[in-house]
Amino acid sequence: MSVFSYTPDYTYIVTSKFSTLITQYENLKEQRRSKVSESRREFSLEYDHTDETTKDNILAFFDARKGSYGSFDWVCPLNSTTYTVRFKEDFLEIEEVANQIYNVSFTLIEVK
């Protein structure tokens, strides 16, 4: 399996998500059903003021996985744990902040 080896600068947010189906009836009562037995983690990563080479390498890695289609391994810098993840969205946010200096941001979601 491929490994994503680019460590974010300093900004990463870890979110734990469950998936619950909620049906609301006319009498305002609710029925809740869990779609999963455990949560999945999401990691929001930002690469601030990165050079063009790093931006191009991240974009090439994203393109090789066809956006959110392919999964890969990633080592979380918070706890050095390897997670199998995929890109959450089919797009990357890339902003050119100066001549050949970029901000790149995206979210990874754990694959179980």
C-alpha atoms as a PDB file:
ATOM      1  CA  MET A   1       0.000   0.000   0.000  1.00  0.00           C
ATOM      2  CA  SER A   2       1.183   3.526  -0.734  1.00  0.00           C
ATOM      3  CA  VAL A   3       2.279   5.786   2.099  1.00  0.00           C
ATOM      4  CA  PHE A   4       1.581   9.532   2.253  1.00  0.00           C
ATOM      5  CA  SER A   5       4.757  10.903   3.831  1.00  0.00           C
ATOM      6  CA  TYR A   6       4.252  14.675   3.894  1.00  0.00           C
ATOM      7  CA  THR A   7       3.980  16.006   7.446  1.00  0.00           C
ATOM      8  CA  PRO A   8       1.716  19.034   7.882  1.00  0.00           C
ATOM      9  CA  ASP A   9       3.295  22.214   9.199  1.00  0.00           C
ATOM     10  CA  TYR A  10       1.489  22.647  12.471  1.00  0.00           C
ATOM     11  CA  THR A  11      -2.233  22.595  11.839  1.00  0.00           C
ATOM     12  CA  TYR A  12      -4.097  19.330  12.090  1.00  0.00           C
ATOM     13  CA  ILE A  13      -7.486  18.659  13.581  1.00  0.00           C
ATOM     14  CA  VAL A  14      -8.621  15.175  14.539  1.00  0.00           C
ATOM     15  CA  THR A  15     -12.359  14.551  14.497  1.00  0.00           C
ATOM     16  CA  SER A  16     -14.107  11.368  15.585  1.00  0.00           C
ATOM     17  CA  LYS A  17     -17.320  10.661  13.649  1.00  0.00           C
ATOM     18  CA  PHE A  18     -20.198   8.228  14.021  1.00  0.00           C
ATOM     19  CA  SER A  19     -22.961   7.608  11.508  1.00  0.00           C
ATOM     20  CA  THR A  20     -26.497   7.626  12.901  1.00  0.00           C
ATOM     21  CA  LEU A  21     -29.794   7.362  11.029  1.00  0.00           C
ATOM     22  CA  ILE A  22     -32.504   9.462  12.689  1.00  0.00           C
ATOM     23  CA  THR A  23     -36.136   9.092  11.644  1.00  0.00           C
ATOM     24  CA  GLN A  24     -38.548  11.687  12.995  1.00  0.00           C
ATOM     25  CA  TYR A  25     -42.233  10.778  13.093  1.00  0.00           C
ATOM     26  CA  GLU A  26     -45.273  13.060  12.861  1.00  0.00           C
ATOM     27  CA  ASN A  27     -45.818  12.822  16.621  1.00  0.00           C
ATOM     28  CA  LEU A  28     -42.233  14.252  17.012  1.00  0.00           C
ATOM     29  CA  LYS A  29     -40.820  11.019  18.383  1.00  0.00           C
ATOM     30  CA  GLU A  30     -37.517   9.837  16.959  1.00  0.00           C
ATOM     31  CA  GLN A  31     -36.058   6.491  16.095  1.00  0.00           C
ATOM     32  CA  ARG A  32     -32.245   6.299  16.040  1.00  0.00           C
ATOM     33  CA  ARG A  33     -30.098   3.584  14.479  1.00  0.00           C
ATOM     34  CA  SER A  34     -26.341   3.428  14.380  1.00  0.00           C
ATOM     35  CA  LYS A  35     -24.861   2.575  10.996  1.00  0.00           C
ATOM     36  CA  VAL A  36     -21.419   1.755  12.445  1.00  0.00           C
ATOM     37  CA  SER A  37     -20.156   0.086  15.596  1.00  0.00           C
ATOM     38  CA  GLU A  38     -17.192   2.417  16.085  1.00  0.00           C
ATOM     39  CA  SER A  39     -16.171   5.910  15.091  1.00  0.00           C
ATOM     40  CA  ARG A  40     -13.958   6.917  12.176  1.00  0.00           C
ATOM     41  CA  ARG A  41     -11.313   9.581  12.503  1.00  0.00           C
ATOM     42  CA  GLU A  42     -10.906  12.543  10.204  1.00  0.00           C
ATOM     43  CA  PHE A  43      -7.673  14.513   9.945  1.00  0.00           C
ATOM     44  CA  SER A  44      -7.755  18.063   8.570  1.00  0.00           C
ATOM     45  CA  LEU A  45      -4.280  18.924   7.280  1.00  0.00           C
ATOM     46  CA  GLU A  46      -2.798  22.247   6.212  1.00  0.00           C
ATOM     47  CA  TYR A  47       0.515  22.918   4.549  1.00  0.00           C
ATOM     48  CA  ASP A  48       1.218  26.635   4.938  1.00  0.00           C
ATOM     49  CA  HIS A  49       3.734  28.475   2.784  1.00  0.00           C
ATOM     50  CA  THR A  50       5.017  25.344   1.085  1.00  0.00           C
ATOM     51  CA  ASP A  51       7.179  25.393  -2.009  1.00  0.00           C
ATOM     52  CA  GLU A  52       6.069  24.461  -5.507  1.00  0.00           C
ATOM     53  CA  THR A  53       7.814  21.066  -5.428  1.00  0.00           C
ATOM     54  CA  THR A  54       5.966  19.931  -2.294  1.00  0.00           C
ATOM     55  CA  LYS A  55       2.670  21.254  -3.668  1.00  0.00           C
ATOM     56  CA  ASP A  56       3.242  19.374  -6.940  1.00  0.00           C
ATOM     57  CA  ASN A  57       4.157  16.152  -5.088  1.00  0.00           C
ATOM     58  CA  ILE A  58       1.007  16.317  -2.940  1.00  0.00           C
ATOM     59  CA  LEU A  59      -1.081  16.991  -6.059  1.00  0.00           C
ATOM     60  CA  ALA A  60       0.550  14.065  -7.920  1.00  0.00           C
ATOM     61  CA  PHE A  61      -0.163  11.753  -4.955  1.00  0.00           C
ATOM     62  CA  PHE A  62      -3.794  12.963  -4.911  1.00  0.00           C
ATOM     63  CA  ASP A  63      -4.128  12.458  -8.681  1.00  0.00           C
ATOM     64  CA  ALA A  64      -2.622   8.949  -8.490  1.00  0.00           C
ATOM     65  CA  ARG A  65      -5.340   7.976  -5.980  1.00  0.00           C
ATOM     66  CA  LYS A  66      -8.039   9.569  -8.168  1.00  0.00           C
ATOM     67  CA  GLY A  67      -9.133  11.849  -5.355  1.00  0.00           C
ATOM     68  CA  SER A  68     -11.206  10.068  -2.732  1.00  0.00           C
ATOM     69  CA  TYR A  69     -11.170   6.757  -4.624  1.00  0.00           C
ATOM     70  CA  GLY A  70      -7.896   5.164  -3.483  1.00  0.00           C
ATOM     71  CA  SER A  71      -6.773   4.475   0.064  1.00  0.00           C
ATOM     72  CA  PHE A  72      -3.254   4.702   1.494  1.00  0.00           C
ATOM     73  CA  ASP A  73      -1.341   4.669   4.766  1.00  0.00           C
ATOM     74  CA  TRP A  74      -0.542   7.825   6.714  1.00  0.00           C
ATOM     75  CA  VAL A  75       1.390   8.237   9.963  1.00  0.00           C
ATOM     76  CA  CYS A  76      -0.275  10.740  12.283  1.00  0.00           C
ATOM     77  CA  PRO A  77       2.340  13.119  13.741  1.00  0.00           C
ATOM     78  CA  LEU A  78       0.331  13.424  16.973  1.00  0.00           C
ATOM     79  CA  ASN A  79       0.737   9.809  18.067  1.00  0.00           C
ATOM     80  CA  SER A  80       2.967   8.134  15.426  1.00  0.00           C
ATOM     81  CA  THR A  81       0.123   5.715  14.642  1.00  0.00           C
ATOM     82  CA  THR A  82      -0.298   4.500  11.061  1.00  0.00           C
ATOM     83  CA  TYR A  83      -3.853   4.856   9.755  1.00  0.00           C
ATOM     84  CA  THR A  84      -5.325   3.587   6.511  1.00  0.00           C
ATOM     85  CA  VAL A  85      -7.053   6.637   5.050  1.00  0.00           C
ATOM     86  CA  ARG A  86      -8.388   8.206   1.869  1.00  0.00           C
ATOM     87  CA  PHE A  87      -8.963  11.785   0.807  1.00  0.00           C
ATOM     88  CA  LYS A  88     -12.388  12.851   2.086  1.00  0.00           C
ATOM     89  CA  GLU A  89     -13.172  15.039  -0.923  1.00  0.00           C
ATOM     90  CA  ASP A  90     -12.402  14.838  -4.618  1.00  0.00           C
ATOM     91  CA  PHE A  91     -10.572  18.176  -4.495  1.00  0.00           C
ATOM     92  CA  LEU A  92      -7.605  19.848  -2.827  1.00  0.00           C
ATOM     93  CA  GLU A  93      -7.595  23.480  -1.772  1.00  0.00           C
ATOM     94  CA  ILE A  94      -4.478  25.115  -3.218  1.00  0.00           C
ATOM     95  CA  GLU A  95      -3.842  28.828  -2.783  1.00  0.00           C
ATOM     96  CA  GLU A  96      -0.854  30.672  -4.194  1.00  0.00           C
ATOM     97  CA  VAL A  97       0.055  33.200  -1.486  1.00  0.00           C
ATOM     98  CA  ALA A  98       3.233  34.526  -3.114  1.00  0.00           C
ATOM     99  CA  ASN A  99       5.362  33.764  -6.128  1.00  0.00           C
ATOM    100  CA  GLN A 100       5.638  29.934  -6.075  1.00  0.00           C
ATOM    101  CA  ILE A 101       4.603  29.740  -2.393  1.00  0.00           C
ATOM    102  CA  TYR A 102       1.383  27.815  -1.667  1.00  0.00           C
ATOM    103  CA  ASN A 103      -1.086  26.857   1.028  1.00  0.00           C
ATOM    104  CA  VAL A 104      -2.525  23.371   0.545  1.00  0.00           C
ATOM    105  CA  SER A 105      -5.317  21.936   2.679  1.00  0.00           C
ATOM    106  CA  PHE A 106      -7.471  18.812   2.668  1.00  0.00           C
ATOM    107  CA  THR A 107      -9.071  16.246   4.966  1.00  0.00           C
ATOM    108  CA  LEU A 108      -8.202  12.569   5.298  1.00  0.00           C
ATOM    109  CA  ILE A 109     -10.800  10.074   6.551  1.00  0.00           C
ATOM    110  CA  GLU A 110      -9.996   6.738   8.168  1.00  0.00           C
ATOM    111  CA  VAL A 111     -10.916   3.622   6.184  1.00  0.00           C
ATOM    112  CA  LYS A 112     -11.978   0.596   8.209  1.00  0.00           C
END
